[in-house]
Amino acid sequence: MNRYTIFFAVLCLPFGSTACGVFAGQDDTSMETDASAASGGGHTGGMSRGTGNGTGNNGTTNVDSSSSGGGDIVLEPDGSPVTFECDPYAQNCPKGEKCLPWANDGGGAWNATTCSPIVEQPHQLGEECMAIGFASAGADTCDLGLMCWGVDLMTNLGTCVAMCGGSAAAPVCEPEGTACSITNSGSVVLCLPMCSPLDQDCGANQGCYPIGGSWVCAPDASNAGGGYQEVCAFINVCDPGLVCIDAASTPNCAGDACCTELCEVDNPAGASQCQGAADGQFCAPWYGAGAAPSGFEDVGLCTLPT
C-alpha cells in the first residue's frame, strides 16, 4: 500500500542553532508531501525539528506568530521568502474559501498558506476526503477549518482532521484527546491525537512523536529505514519508539541527525536500554526538572553526555 507519508520535516543544523529534533525544545517543525518518500505503508508529509540545547526538553514549541498571519513573509533557512496568504487559525479567506497549507514552489513540502475554494457538500470531521491534485497542492474536499490528512498516494483519499483554532500564540483544539501540532513554519496547524511515547499506543502504521510540546500520533514514514543510528531528516521517519535527534546525541551518526531510542528514566535497566550504551549513551529525562506533564515524568531519551 503506497501512501503519502505524513512526515514532519527536520531542518538539520548543529545544536545551538536549529537542531534536528525536538528533544530540547522546538522552534519549528515542517512537513513535506514528497511522493518519492512514500514507498510503503504510511502517508506523506514530514516534520522538522527545532532548536535543541542538550538534555532536558521543556515541552514547549516557540513558533514565530508572524509565520501564520495573512500576507506575512518569513525567510526559510536557505534565505528564500515564503508567503502566507492567509491565517490558518483565523480562517480569514473570502466567503466560500478556506485557508490551507500548500507548496508554493510546486514541490513536496508544505511551506506556505493559500485560500482555496470550499467544494459543494464538503466532507466533515472524521469523514473520508480527497486531496485535489496532490497532497501539497492546497485544495481538498473537507469543510472550513478541516484539512484532508493522511492522503493515499494511489487514490488521493484521506480523512478530514481539524485545524487548530485560536492563534499561533494560543492555539486551540476542540476535538477531545487532540493537541495542536504546529509545523512547516506555521503553515500546517493540525489537531492530532495525543499519545504515550513509552506505550506507543497509536494505531497501525503510526508512531507517537514529539510535536509542538505534545506527543501526538503521526504516520510512521520509516519504510525500510528508521532504526537506531539511521540518518534521518524528519521526525517520523524513525521507527515508533525512536526519535530523530541531532547527531551529537547518537554515537557514530553519519549525518546531521540520526534516530535514537526513547527510554524509561526510572527503569532499573538504566543505560542498558540504549543500543549506544557501550559508546556512552545513557537514559536522560526528556523534560527538565518539574517540567514534565503528569504521566510523562518517566519519558527519557538515549543520548550522549553534553
C-alpha atoms as a PDB file:
ATOM      1  CA  MET A   1       0.000   0.000   0.000  1.00  0.00           C
ATOM      2  CA  ASN A   2       1.638   3.209  -1.168  1.00  0.00           C
ATOM      3  CA  ARG A   3       0.584   6.215   0.837  1.00  0.00           C
ATOM      4  CA  TYR A   4       1.585   9.805   1.194  1.00  0.00           C
ATOM      5  CA  THR A   5       3.533   9.606   4.396  1.00  0.00           C
ATOM      6  CA  ILE A   6       2.940  12.485   6.727  1.00  0.00           C
ATOM      7  CA  PHE A   7       6.487  13.398   7.550  1.00  0.00           C
ATOM      8  CA  PHE A   8       7.332  16.192   9.908  1.00  0.00           C
ATOM      9  CA  ALA A   9      10.366  17.660   8.234  1.00  0.00           C
ATOM     10  CA  VAL A  10      13.574  18.421  10.039  1.00  0.00           C
ATOM     11  CA  LEU A  11      15.967  21.275   9.474  1.00  0.00           C
ATOM     12  CA  CYS A  12      19.274  19.746  10.423  1.00  0.00           C
ATOM     13  CA  LEU A  13      21.843  22.073  11.918  1.00  0.00           C
ATOM     14  CA  PRO A  14      24.057  21.704  14.990  1.00  0.00           C
ATOM     15  CA  PHE A  15      22.745  22.150  18.499  1.00  0.00           C
ATOM     16  CA  GLY A  16      22.711  25.799  19.476  1.00  0.00           C
ATOM     17  CA  SER A  17      21.099  26.820  16.209  1.00  0.00           C
ATOM     18  CA  THR A  18      18.405  24.710  14.577  1.00  0.00           C
ATOM     19  CA  ALA A  19      18.724  21.173  15.797  1.00  0.00           C
ATOM     20  CA  CYS A  20      17.422  18.050  14.135  1.00  0.00           C
ATOM     21  CA  GLY A  21      14.941  17.154  16.787  1.00  0.00           C
ATOM     22  CA  VAL A  22      12.529  18.349  19.356  1.00  0.00           C
ATOM     23  CA  PHE A  23      14.449  16.868  22.245  1.00  0.00           C
ATOM     24  CA  ALA A  24      15.318  20.107  23.942  1.00  0.00           C
ATOM     25  CA  GLY A  25      12.588  22.454  22.855  1.00  0.00           C
ATOM     26  CA  GLN A  26      11.432  23.038  19.325  1.00  0.00           C
ATOM     27  CA  ASP A  27      11.316  26.313  17.443  1.00  0.00           C
ATOM     28  CA  ASP A  28       9.798  24.933  14.279  1.00  0.00           C
ATOM     29  CA  THR A  29       8.643  21.775  12.618  1.00  0.00           C
ATOM     30  CA  SER A  30       7.946  21.193   8.953  1.00  0.00           C
ATOM     31  CA  MET A  31       6.011  18.676   6.942  1.00  0.00           C
ATOM     32  CA  GLU A  32       6.574  17.583   3.399  1.00  0.00           C
ATOM     33  CA  THR A  33       4.475  15.624   0.960  1.00  0.00           C
ATOM     34  CA  ASP A  34       7.092  14.215  -1.365  1.00  0.00           C
ATOM     35  CA  ALA A  35       5.549  11.186  -3.025  1.00  0.00           C
ATOM     36  CA  SER A  36       9.002   9.767  -3.695  1.00  0.00           C
ATOM     37  CA  ALA A  37       9.453   9.350   0.038  1.00  0.00           C
ATOM     38  CA  ALA A  38       6.368   7.203   0.404  1.00  0.00           C
ATOM     39  CA  SER A  39       7.350   3.746  -0.721  1.00  0.00           C
ATOM     40  CA  GLY A  40       5.406   1.758   1.829  1.00  0.00           C
ATOM     41  CA  GLY A  41       2.561   1.973   4.326  1.00  0.00           C
ATOM     42  CA  GLY A  42       2.246   5.426   5.799  1.00  0.00           C
ATOM     43  CA  HIS A  43       1.394   8.822   4.441  1.00  0.00           C
ATOM     44  CA  THR A  44       3.362  11.754   3.156  1.00  0.00           C
ATOM     45  CA  GLY A  45       4.163  14.899   4.903  1.00  0.00           C
ATOM     46  CA  GLY A  46       7.142  15.448   7.168  1.00  0.00           C
ATOM     47  CA  MET A  47       8.040  17.209  10.422  1.00  0.00           C
ATOM     48  CA  SER A  48      11.098  19.287  11.020  1.00  0.00           C
ATOM     49  CA  ARG A  49      12.681  19.553  14.383  1.00  0.00           C
ATOM     50  CA  GLY A  50      13.658  22.704  16.138  1.00  0.00           C
ATOM     51  CA  THR A  51      16.242  24.155  18.443  1.00  0.00           C
ATOM     52  CA  GLY A  52      17.925  21.907  20.975  1.00  0.00           C
ATOM     53  CA  ASN A  53      20.330  22.628  23.765  1.00  0.00           C
ATOM     54  CA  GLY A  54      21.226  19.271  25.187  1.00  0.00           C
ATOM     55  CA  THR A  55      19.282  17.014  27.505  1.00  0.00           C
ATOM     56  CA  GLY A  56      16.030  18.086  29.097  1.00  0.00           C
ATOM     57  CA  ASN A  57      13.042  19.062  26.961  1.00  0.00           C
ATOM     58  CA  ASN A  58      10.823  21.771  28.340  1.00  0.00           C
ATOM     59  CA  GLY A  59       7.988  20.505  26.194  1.00  0.00           C
ATOM     60  CA  THR A  60       7.331  23.838  24.519  1.00  0.00           C
ATOM     61  CA  THR A  61       7.249  24.943  20.934  1.00  0.00           C
ATOM     62  CA  ASN A  62       8.078  28.510  20.072  1.00  0.00           C
ATOM     63  CA  VAL A  63       6.532  29.365  16.737  1.00  0.00           C
ATOM     64  CA  ASP A  64       7.007  32.846  15.344  1.00  0.00           C
ATOM     65  CA  SER A  65       3.492  34.232  15.119  1.00  0.00           C
ATOM     66  CA  SER A  66       4.484  36.223  12.051  1.00  0.00           C
ATOM     67  CA  SER A  67       4.738  32.992  10.121  1.00  0.00           C
ATOM     68  CA  SER A  68       0.991  32.417  10.116  1.00  0.00           C
ATOM     69  CA  GLY A  69      -0.533  35.833   9.567  1.00  0.00           C
ATOM     70  CA  GLY A  70      -2.215  36.814   6.354  1.00  0.00           C
ATOM     71  CA  GLY A  71       0.265  38.203   3.860  1.00  0.00           C
ATOM     72  CA  ASP A  72       3.246  37.874   6.177  1.00  0.00           C
ATOM     73  CA  ILE A  73       6.666  36.990   4.796  1.00  0.00           C
ATOM     74  CA  VAL A  74       9.084  34.663   6.523  1.00  0.00           C
ATOM     75  CA  LEU A  75      12.513  33.517   5.496  1.00  0.00           C
ATOM     76  CA  GLU A  76      13.221  29.831   5.309  1.00  0.00           C
ATOM     77  CA  PRO A  77      16.679  28.654   6.475  1.00  0.00           C
ATOM     78  CA  ASP A  78      18.020  28.882   2.930  1.00  0.00           C
ATOM     79  CA  GLY A  79      17.004  32.547   2.812  1.00  0.00           C
ATOM     80  CA  SER A  80      14.168  32.154   0.317  1.00  0.00           C
ATOM     81  CA  PRO A  81      10.989  34.125   1.081  1.00  0.00           C
ATOM     82  CA  VAL A  82       7.816  32.207   1.850  1.00  0.00           C
ATOM     83  CA  THR A  83       4.442  33.938   1.686  1.00  0.00           C
ATOM     84  CA  PHE A  84       1.447  33.268   3.905  1.00  0.00           C
ATOM     85  CA  GLU A  85      -1.628  34.459   2.065  1.00  0.00           C
ATOM     86  CA  CYS A  86      -3.989  33.725   4.943  1.00  0.00           C
ATOM     87  CA  ASP A  87      -4.130  32.795   8.616  1.00  0.00           C
ATOM     88  CA  PRO A  88      -4.934  29.087   9.165  1.00  0.00           C
ATOM     89  CA  TYR A  89      -6.121  29.813  12.721  1.00  0.00           C
ATOM     90  CA  ALA A  90      -8.427  32.714  11.862  1.00  0.00           C
ATOM     91  CA  GLN A  91      -9.536  31.271   8.509  1.00  0.00           C
ATOM     92  CA  ASN A  92      -9.630  34.803   7.125  1.00  0.00           C
ATOM     93  CA  CYS A  93     -10.217  33.934   3.479  1.00  0.00           C
ATOM     94  CA  PRO A  94     -13.142  35.341   1.479  1.00  0.00           C
ATOM     95  CA  LYS A  95     -16.536  33.714   1.932  1.00  0.00           C
ATOM     96  CA  GLY A  96     -16.679  30.326   0.227  1.00  0.00           C
ATOM     97  CA  GLU A  97     -12.931  29.742   0.645  1.00  0.00           C
ATOM     98  CA  LYS A  98     -10.713  28.326   3.379  1.00  0.00           C
ATOM     99  CA  CYS A  99      -7.061  28.673   4.379  1.00  0.00           C
ATOM    100  CA  LEU A 100      -4.910  25.605   3.706  1.00  0.00           C
ATOM    101  CA  PRO A 101      -1.189  24.865   3.614  1.00  0.00           C
ATOM    102  CA  TRP A 102       0.385  24.274   0.229  1.00  0.00           C
ATOM    103  CA  ALA A 103       3.734  24.000  -1.536  1.00  0.00           C
ATOM    104  CA  ASN A 104       4.057  27.343  -3.314  1.00  0.00           C
ATOM    105  CA  ASP A 105       7.100  26.128  -5.231  1.00  0.00           C
ATOM    106  CA  GLY A 106       5.333  23.084  -6.658  1.00  0.00           C
ATOM    107  CA  GLY A 107       7.455  20.783  -4.515  1.00  0.00           C
ATOM    108  CA  GLY A 108       6.644  18.194  -1.907  1.00  0.00           C
ATOM    109  CA  ALA A 109       6.825  20.344   1.225  1.00  0.00           C
ATOM    110  CA  TRP A 110       4.037  22.482   2.625  1.00  0.00           C
ATOM    111  CA  ASN A 111       5.735  25.847   3.046  1.00  0.00           C
ATOM    112  CA  ALA A 112       3.002  28.496   2.778  1.00  0.00           C
ATOM    113  CA  THR A 113      -0.747  29.024   3.034  1.00  0.00           C
ATOM    114  CA  THR A 114      -3.335  29.823   0.397  1.00  0.00           C
ATOM    115  CA  CYS A 115      -7.069  30.442   0.094  1.00  0.00           C
ATOM    116  CA  SER A 116      -8.800  27.527  -1.582  1.00  0.00           C
ATOM    117  CA  PRO A 117     -12.465  27.166  -2.661  1.00  0.00           C
ATOM    118  CA  ILE A 118     -14.695  25.086  -0.402  1.00  0.00           C
ATOM    119  CA  VAL A 119     -16.328  22.398  -2.526  1.00  0.00           C
ATOM    120  CA  GLU A 120     -20.083  21.858  -2.658  1.00  0.00           C
ATOM    121  CA  GLN A 121     -21.231  19.387   0.009  1.00  0.00           C
ATOM    122  CA  PRO A 122     -17.824  19.292   1.737  1.00  0.00           C
ATOM    123  CA  HIS A 123     -16.792  16.393   3.936  1.00  0.00           C
ATOM    124  CA  GLN A 124     -16.914  16.757   7.705  1.00  0.00           C
ATOM    125  CA  LEU A 125     -14.606  15.868  10.604  1.00  0.00           C
ATOM    126  CA  GLY A 126     -13.591  12.211  10.514  1.00  0.00           C
ATOM    127  CA  GLU A 127     -15.077  11.582   7.080  1.00  0.00           C
ATOM    128  CA  GLU A 128     -13.157  10.309   4.084  1.00  0.00           C
ATOM    129  CA  CYS A 129     -11.954  13.111   1.830  1.00  0.00           C
ATOM    130  CA  MET A 130      -9.893  13.710  -1.276  1.00  0.00           C
ATOM    131  CA  ALA A 131      -6.899  15.919  -1.952  1.00  0.00           C
ATOM    132  CA  ILE A 132      -7.491  17.834  -5.154  1.00  0.00           C
ATOM    133  CA  GLY A 133      -4.493  17.499  -7.421  1.00  0.00           C
ATOM    134  CA  PHE A 134      -1.935  16.153  -4.932  1.00  0.00           C
ATOM    135  CA  ALA A 135      -1.363  16.261  -1.201  1.00  0.00           C
ATOM    136  CA  SER A 136       0.583  19.536  -1.097  1.00  0.00           C
ATOM    137  CA  ALA A 137      -1.499  21.382  -3.717  1.00  0.00           C
ATOM    138  CA  GLY A 138      -3.532  23.261  -1.116  1.00  0.00           C
ATOM    139  CA  ALA A 139      -7.010  22.043  -2.083  1.00  0.00           C
ATOM    140  CA  ASP A 140      -9.281  19.288  -0.777  1.00  0.00           C
ATOM    141  CA  THR A 141     -12.895  18.286  -0.232  1.00  0.00           C
ATOM    142  CA  CYS A 142     -13.076  18.987   3.530  1.00  0.00           C
ATOM    143  CA  ASP A 143     -15.176  21.754   5.050  1.00  0.00           C
ATOM    144  CA  LEU A 144     -13.989  25.049   6.522  1.00  0.00           C
ATOM    145  CA  GLY A 145     -11.477  24.530   9.340  1.00  0.00           C
ATOM    146  CA  LEU A 146     -10.651  20.994   8.233  1.00  0.00           C
ATOM    147  CA  MET A 147      -7.820  19.512   6.182  1.00  0.00           C
ATOM    148  CA  CYS A 148      -7.588  16.222   4.285  1.00  0.00           C
ATOM    149  CA  TRP A 149      -4.844  14.321   6.127  1.00  0.00           C
ATOM    150  CA  GLY A 150      -3.059  11.035   5.539  1.00  0.00           C
ATOM    151  CA  VAL A 151      -3.618  11.124   1.793  1.00  0.00           C
ATOM    152  CA  ASP A 152      -3.191   7.832  -0.049  1.00  0.00           C
ATOM    153  CA  LEU A 153      -0.786   8.176  -2.965  1.00  0.00           C
ATOM    154  CA  MET A 154      -2.766   5.916  -5.257  1.00  0.00           C
ATOM    155  CA  THR A 155      -6.273   7.197  -4.554  1.00  0.00           C
ATOM    156  CA  ASN A 156      -5.731  10.749  -3.195  1.00  0.00           C
ATOM    157  CA  LEU A 157      -8.078   9.775  -0.352  1.00  0.00           C
ATOM    158  CA  GLY A 158      -7.552  10.712   3.274  1.00  0.00           C
ATOM    159  CA  THR A 159      -9.503  11.747   6.374  1.00  0.00           C
ATOM    160  CA  CYS A 160     -10.734  15.190   7.399  1.00  0.00           C
ATOM    161  CA  VAL A 161      -8.967  16.384  10.548  1.00  0.00           C
ATOM    162  CA  ALA A 162      -9.480  19.623  12.419  1.00  0.00           C
ATOM    163  CA  MET A 163      -7.139  22.548  12.014  1.00  0.00           C
ATOM    164  CA  CYS A 164      -6.184  24.458  15.149  1.00  0.00           C
ATOM    165  CA  GLY A 165      -8.202  27.486  16.154  1.00  0.00           C
ATOM    166  CA  GLY A 166      -7.174  30.403  18.309  1.00  0.00           C
ATOM    167  CA  SER A 167      -3.813  31.807  17.292  1.00  0.00           C
ATOM    168  CA  ALA A 168      -0.178  30.800  16.988  1.00  0.00           C
ATOM    169  CA  ALA A 169       0.405  32.231  20.469  1.00  0.00           C
ATOM    170  CA  ALA A 170      -2.618  30.426  21.954  1.00  0.00           C
ATOM    171  CA  PRO A 171      -3.727  27.551  19.696  1.00  0.00           C
ATOM    172  CA  VAL A 172      -6.955  25.714  20.477  1.00  0.00           C
ATOM    173  CA  CYS A 173      -8.110  22.213  19.564  1.00  0.00           C
ATOM    174  CA  GLU A 174     -11.773  21.344  20.055  1.00  0.00           C
ATOM    175  CA  PRO A 175     -11.728  17.570  19.282  1.00  0.00           C
ATOM    176  CA  GLU A 176     -11.295  15.714  22.578  1.00  0.00           C
ATOM    177  CA  GLY A 177      -7.945  13.992  23.075  1.00  0.00           C
ATOM    178  CA  THR A 178      -6.092  16.042  20.462  1.00  0.00           C
ATOM    179  CA  ALA A 179      -3.296  18.611  20.637  1.00  0.00           C
ATOM    180  CA  CYS A 180      -2.310  21.363  18.226  1.00  0.00           C
ATOM    181  CA  SER A 181       0.686  20.340  16.126  1.00  0.00           C
ATOM    182  CA  ILE A 182       2.305  23.384  14.522  1.00  0.00           C
ATOM    183  CA  THR A 183       4.682  22.576  11.691  1.00  0.00           C
ATOM    184  CA  ASN A 184       6.184  23.915   8.497  1.00  0.00           C
ATOM    185  CA  SER A 185       6.886  27.452   9.713  1.00  0.00           C
ATOM    186  CA  GLY A 186       3.327  27.681  10.988  1.00  0.00           C
ATOM    187  CA  SER A 187       1.606  26.798   7.733  1.00  0.00           C
ATOM    188  CA  VAL A 188       0.368  23.398   8.953  1.00  0.00           C
ATOM    189  CA  VAL A 189      -1.654  23.560  12.173  1.00  0.00           C
ATOM    190  CA  LEU A 190      -3.497  20.336  12.919  1.00  0.00           C
ATOM    191  CA  CYS A 191      -5.294  18.797  15.885  1.00  0.00           C
ATOM    192  CA  LEU A 192      -3.713  15.341  16.123  1.00  0.00           C
ATOM    193  CA  PRO A 193      -4.454  12.579  18.687  1.00  0.00           C
ATOM    194  CA  MET A 194      -2.311  12.673  21.822  1.00  0.00           C
ATOM    195  CA  CYS A 195      -0.439   9.524  22.807  1.00  0.00           C
ATOM    196  CA  SER A 196       2.084   7.922  25.148  1.00  0.00           C
ATOM    197  CA  PRO A 197       5.672   7.818  23.785  1.00  0.00           C
ATOM    198  CA  LEU A 198       6.629   4.889  26.018  1.00  0.00           C
ATOM    199  CA  ASP A 199       3.485   2.859  25.280  1.00  0.00           C
ATOM    200  CA  GLN A 200       3.399   3.787  21.566  1.00  0.00           C
ATOM    201  CA  ASP A 201      -0.368   3.478  21.706  1.00  0.00           C
ATOM    202  CA  CYS A 202      -1.209   4.859  18.255  1.00  0.00           C
ATOM    203  CA  GLY A 203      -2.915   2.901  15.507  1.00  0.00           C
ATOM    204  CA  ALA A 204      -1.411   0.682  12.853  1.00  0.00           C
ATOM    205  CA  ASN A 205       1.351   2.263  10.755  1.00  0.00           C
ATOM    206  CA  GLN A 206       1.609   5.195  13.180  1.00  0.00           C
ATOM    207  CA  GLY A 207       4.019   6.268  15.868  1.00  0.00           C
ATOM    208  CA  CYS A 208       3.894   8.599  18.845  1.00  0.00           C
ATOM    209  CA  TYR A 209       6.132  11.563  18.009  1.00  0.00           C
ATOM    210  CA  PRO A 210       7.005  14.841  19.789  1.00  0.00           C
ATOM    211  CA  ILE A 211       5.408  17.765  18.014  1.00  0.00           C
ATOM    212  CA  GLY A 212       4.636  21.200  19.350  1.00  0.00           C
ATOM    213  CA  GLY A 213       5.248  20.434  23.009  1.00  0.00           C
ATOM    214  CA  SER A 214       2.938  17.395  22.906  1.00  0.00           C
ATOM    215  CA  TRP A 215       3.228  13.777  21.915  1.00  0.00           C
ATOM    216  CA  VAL A 216       0.854  13.044  19.058  1.00  0.00           C
ATOM    217  CA  CYS A 217       0.134  10.236  16.626  1.00  0.00           C
ATOM    218  CA  ALA A 218       1.555  10.622  13.122  1.00  0.00           C
ATOM    219  CA  PRO A 219       2.089   8.092  10.346  1.00  0.00           C
ATOM    220  CA  ASP A 220       5.285   6.040  10.565  1.00  0.00           C
ATOM    221  CA  ALA A 221       7.216   7.088   7.461  1.00  0.00           C
ATOM    222  CA  SER A 222      10.296   4.985   8.168  1.00  0.00           C
ATOM    223  CA  ASN A 223       9.571   2.419   5.468  1.00  0.00           C
ATOM    224  CA  ALA A 224      12.751   0.283   5.165  1.00  0.00           C
ATOM    225  CA  GLY A 225      14.794   2.565   7.439  1.00  0.00           C
ATOM    226  CA  GLY A 226      14.123   4.247  10.738  1.00  0.00           C
ATOM    227  CA  GLY A 227      16.278   2.076  13.001  1.00  0.00           C
ATOM    228  CA  TYR A 228      18.898   3.087  15.549  1.00  0.00           C
ATOM    229  CA  GLN A 229      21.705   5.231  14.045  1.00  0.00           C
ATOM    230  CA  GLU A 230      19.826   5.593  10.746  1.00  0.00           C
ATOM    231  CA  VAL A 231      20.288   9.079   9.305  1.00  0.00           C
ATOM    232  CA  CYS A 232      17.008  10.999   9.378  1.00  0.00           C
ATOM    233  CA  ALA A 233      15.653  14.263   8.051  1.00  0.00           C
ATOM    234  CA  PHE A 234      12.150  14.051   9.530  1.00  0.00           C
ATOM    235  CA  ILE A 235      10.743  13.284  12.958  1.00  0.00           C
ATOM    236  CA  ASN A 236       8.511  10.452  11.773  1.00  0.00           C
ATOM    237  CA  VAL A 237      10.999   8.677   9.520  1.00  0.00           C
ATOM    238  CA  CYS A 238      12.249   6.941  12.665  1.00  0.00           C
ATOM    239  CA  ASP A 239      10.556   3.738  13.793  1.00  0.00           C
ATOM    240  CA  PRO A 240       7.960   4.097  16.565  1.00  0.00           C
ATOM    241  CA  GLY A 241       9.826   4.294  19.854  1.00  0.00           C
ATOM    242  CA  LEU A 242      12.716   6.212  18.288  1.00  0.00           C
ATOM    243  CA  VAL A 243      13.100   9.911  17.533  1.00  0.00           C
ATOM    244  CA  CYS A 244      15.150  11.900  15.029  1.00  0.00           C
ATOM    245  CA  ILE A 245      17.708  13.843  17.035  1.00  0.00           C
ATOM    246  CA  ASP A 246      20.874  15.862  16.496  1.00  0.00           C
ATOM    247  CA  ALA A 247      23.974  13.858  15.575  1.00  0.00           C
ATOM    248  CA  ALA A 248      25.681  14.879  18.821  1.00  0.00           C
ATOM    249  CA  SER A 249      23.286  12.621  20.735  1.00  0.00           C
ATOM    250  CA  THR A 250      23.945   9.439  18.748  1.00  0.00           C
ATOM    251  CA  PRO A 251      27.317   7.641  18.517  1.00  0.00           C
ATOM    252  CA  ASN A 252      28.759   7.352  15.015  1.00  0.00           C
ATOM    253  CA  CYS A 253      25.883   9.211  13.377  1.00  0.00           C
ATOM    254  CA  ALA A 254      26.779   9.599   9.702  1.00  0.00           C
ATOM    255  CA  GLY A 255      24.595  12.655   9.108  1.00  0.00           C
ATOM    256  CA  ASP A 256      23.306  15.788  10.779  1.00  0.00           C
ATOM    257  CA  ALA A 257      20.704  13.763  12.659  1.00  0.00           C
ATOM    258  CA  CYS A 258      20.033  10.120  13.455  1.00  0.00           C
ATOM    259  CA  CYS A 259      17.307   8.001  15.004  1.00  0.00           C
ATOM    260  CA  THR A 260      17.839   7.065  18.625  1.00  0.00           C
ATOM    261  CA  GLU A 261      15.686   5.392  21.217  1.00  0.00           C
ATOM    262  CA  LEU A 262      13.305   6.628  23.829  1.00  0.00           C
ATOM    263  CA  CYS A 263      13.741   5.062  27.252  1.00  0.00           C
ATOM    264  CA  GLU A 264      12.221   4.928  30.746  1.00  0.00           C
ATOM    265  CA  VAL A 265      14.070   7.171  33.172  1.00  0.00           C
ATOM    266  CA  ASP A 266      13.159   5.068  36.238  1.00  0.00           C
ATOM    267  CA  ASN A 267      13.743   1.695  34.589  1.00  0.00           C
ATOM    268  CA  PRO A 268      16.328  -0.269  36.622  1.00  0.00           C
ATOM    269  CA  ALA A 269      17.931  -1.268  33.324  1.00  0.00           C
ATOM    270  CA  GLY A 270      19.219   2.290  33.041  1.00  0.00           C
ATOM    271  CA  ALA A 271      21.670   2.832  30.179  1.00  0.00           C
ATOM    272  CA  SER A 272      21.307  -0.769  29.025  1.00  0.00           C
ATOM    273  CA  GLN A 273      18.011   0.301  27.421  1.00  0.00           C
ATOM    274  CA  CYS A 274      20.162   2.181  24.905  1.00  0.00           C
ATOM    275  CA  GLN A 275      21.860   0.453  21.998  1.00  0.00           C
ATOM    276  CA  GLY A 276      24.635   3.021  22.260  1.00  0.00           C
ATOM    277  CA  ALA A 277      25.359   2.349  25.941  1.00  0.00           C
ATOM    278  CA  ALA A 278      28.798   0.917  25.173  1.00  0.00           C
ATOM    279  CA  ASP A 279      29.623   4.186  23.404  1.00  0.00           C
ATOM    280  CA  GLY A 280      28.471   6.338  26.306  1.00  0.00           C
ATOM    281  CA  GLN A 281      24.751   6.761  25.730  1.00  0.00           C
ATOM    282  CA  PHE A 282      22.571   6.946  28.810  1.00  0.00           C
ATOM    283  CA  CYS A 283      18.873   7.472  29.532  1.00  0.00           C
ATOM    284  CA  ALA A 284      18.329  11.200  30.158  1.00  0.00           C
ATOM    285  CA  PRO A 285      14.984  12.775  31.114  1.00  0.00           C
ATOM    286  CA  TRP A 286      13.165  14.256  28.144  1.00  0.00           C
ATOM    287  CA  TYR A 287      11.742  17.026  30.297  1.00  0.00           C
ATOM    288  CA  GLY A 288      13.578  19.398  32.565  1.00  0.00           C
ATOM    289  CA  ALA A 289      13.121  19.219  36.332  1.00  0.00           C
ATOM    290  CA  GLY A 290       9.496  19.901  37.219  1.00  0.00           C
ATOM    291  CA  ALA A 291       8.513  20.500  33.590  1.00  0.00           C
ATOM    292  CA  ALA A 292       7.063  17.092  32.680  1.00  0.00           C
ATOM    293  CA  PRO A 293       3.289  16.926  32.243  1.00  0.00           C
ATOM    294  CA  SER A 294       1.519  14.466  34.513  1.00  0.00           C
ATOM    295  CA  GLY A 295       2.146  10.924  33.308  1.00  0.00           C
ATOM    296  CA  PHE A 296       5.222  11.859  31.273  1.00  0.00           C
ATOM    297  CA  GLU A 297       7.760  12.087  34.101  1.00  0.00           C
ATOM    298  CA  ASP A 298       9.417   8.813  33.095  1.00  0.00           C
ATOM    299  CA  VAL A 299       9.942   9.672  29.399  1.00  0.00           C
ATOM    300  CA  GLY A 300      13.629   9.668  28.526  1.00  0.00           C
ATOM    301  CA  LEU A 301      15.960   9.774  25.556  1.00  0.00           C
ATOM    302  CA  CYS A 302      19.055   7.717  24.890  1.00  0.00           C
ATOM    303  CA  THR A 303      21.734  10.358  24.388  1.00  0.00           C
ATOM    304  CA  LEU A 304      25.412  11.139  24.898  1.00  0.00           C
ATOM    305  CA  PRO A 305      26.672  13.411  27.681  1.00  0.00           C
ATOM    306  CA  THR A 306      26.947  17.067  26.690  1.00  0.00           C
END
